[in-house]
Amino acid sequence: MKNKAVHFEVLRIIAIFFVVFQHTGEYGAQLYYNLEPTSISYWLSMFTYMFGKIAVPIFFMISGALLLKKDEPLSVILKKRVLRIFLVLLIVSVGYYLIENMDNLSFALIPDFFKLFFTKGIQKNLWYLYSYIAALLMLPFLRILVKKLKDEHYKYLIVINILLTSVASVCSAFWLKKDIHPDLEIPFATFWNIFYMLMGYYLEYVIPKKNYTNKNAVKFLFLGIAVTGLCVLISHFYFSKNGYTDKNLIFSKKFMTLPALALYFFVKTLCQNKVPSERLSKFILFLGSNVFGIYLADSLLRRVFISLLDILPPVIGDLPACYLYVFICVVAGFIVIGLLRLIPFVRKLI
């Protein structure tokens, strides 16, 4: 196994824990809705949820690092990449649709399935695959772009992103009282899939290797944590003034940039400067190879163990119970998906 690949898998493993936590609702991710600010769990729940928002950016950055450097004809992109993800999306969507309509199955549901599939989506958490397909369709253009961009261009994109997301969200909430003009959206700077794929390439191939020092990594990680802490404080202030409304999560998606970049930089530095043993590397690779499958089965895994969220809280507390629940779901996912990937067809897809 190549040492360079280790940090990709470590990042995937970290991200999938955050993904599952994001979907725990009032049991964990939004537990702070029902708590007082005097409770430590209030702040921990909010911090974990908001820092955990970096999961999807991490996945896109990994894709950017792995895919943007390649040179492939359009036919390969469409057949090998786009078609594969589309088939995964279709198969998994069919599976979830059948489960949800098990008591009412009929051929009359087929039109309904395709209407949902091409509009709202069958399962809410599968939105990422739609966004990923869109990013894959842009690969030919992004590959040309990254060959021309220089360090200062990437830094410029980061600044624009922060201005139009973090700064704009604060101005919108506390000053303008309205969203900023929608036409200020910039594809390369504010669209998740495109921006973070470019950032993955930047962190992987543009930043000089000498910059990946332990000192820089720790500083950057602390900056990312501090930014998340700022997001938590701003959110708390907004909630205390406006109550819990539909815009409760207005800031949670707007302060991801620096924390996501910081975690990527930190993990890459750690794996680059302290290379894991061959045995540990193989274990990390095994876990990382199952992450995509866990994401696809996330909803089912959470349903299987949902009773734990009734059993555990009286014993260890609400938030620790949710953390343990997430850990059990993910570990079970590694086992189940690992076994399923022994089947050649499944392994080829996920």
Foldseek 3Di string as FASTA:
>chain_A
DDLLCLLLLVLLLVLLLLVLQLPPPCLALVVLLPDDPVDPSNLVSPLSNLLSLLSLLSVLLSCLQPQLQDDDDPVCLVPVPLVLLVVVLVVLLVVLVCVVCVVPDDPVCVVVSVVCCVPVRSDNLCVSSVLVSVLSVCSVVSSVVLVPDAPVVLVVLAVLLLCQFVVQLLCCLPPVVHHDDPVSDDVCRHRSNNVSSSLSNCLNPHPDPVCLDQVNLVVLQVVLSVLSVVLSVSLVVSCVVPNDDPCSCSRSNRSNRSNSSSVSSNSSSVSVVPPDDPVVSVVSVLLSLQSVVLSSCSVVLCVVQVCQQVVPCVPPHSNVSSSVSSVVSSVVSSVVSSVVCVPVVSVSSD
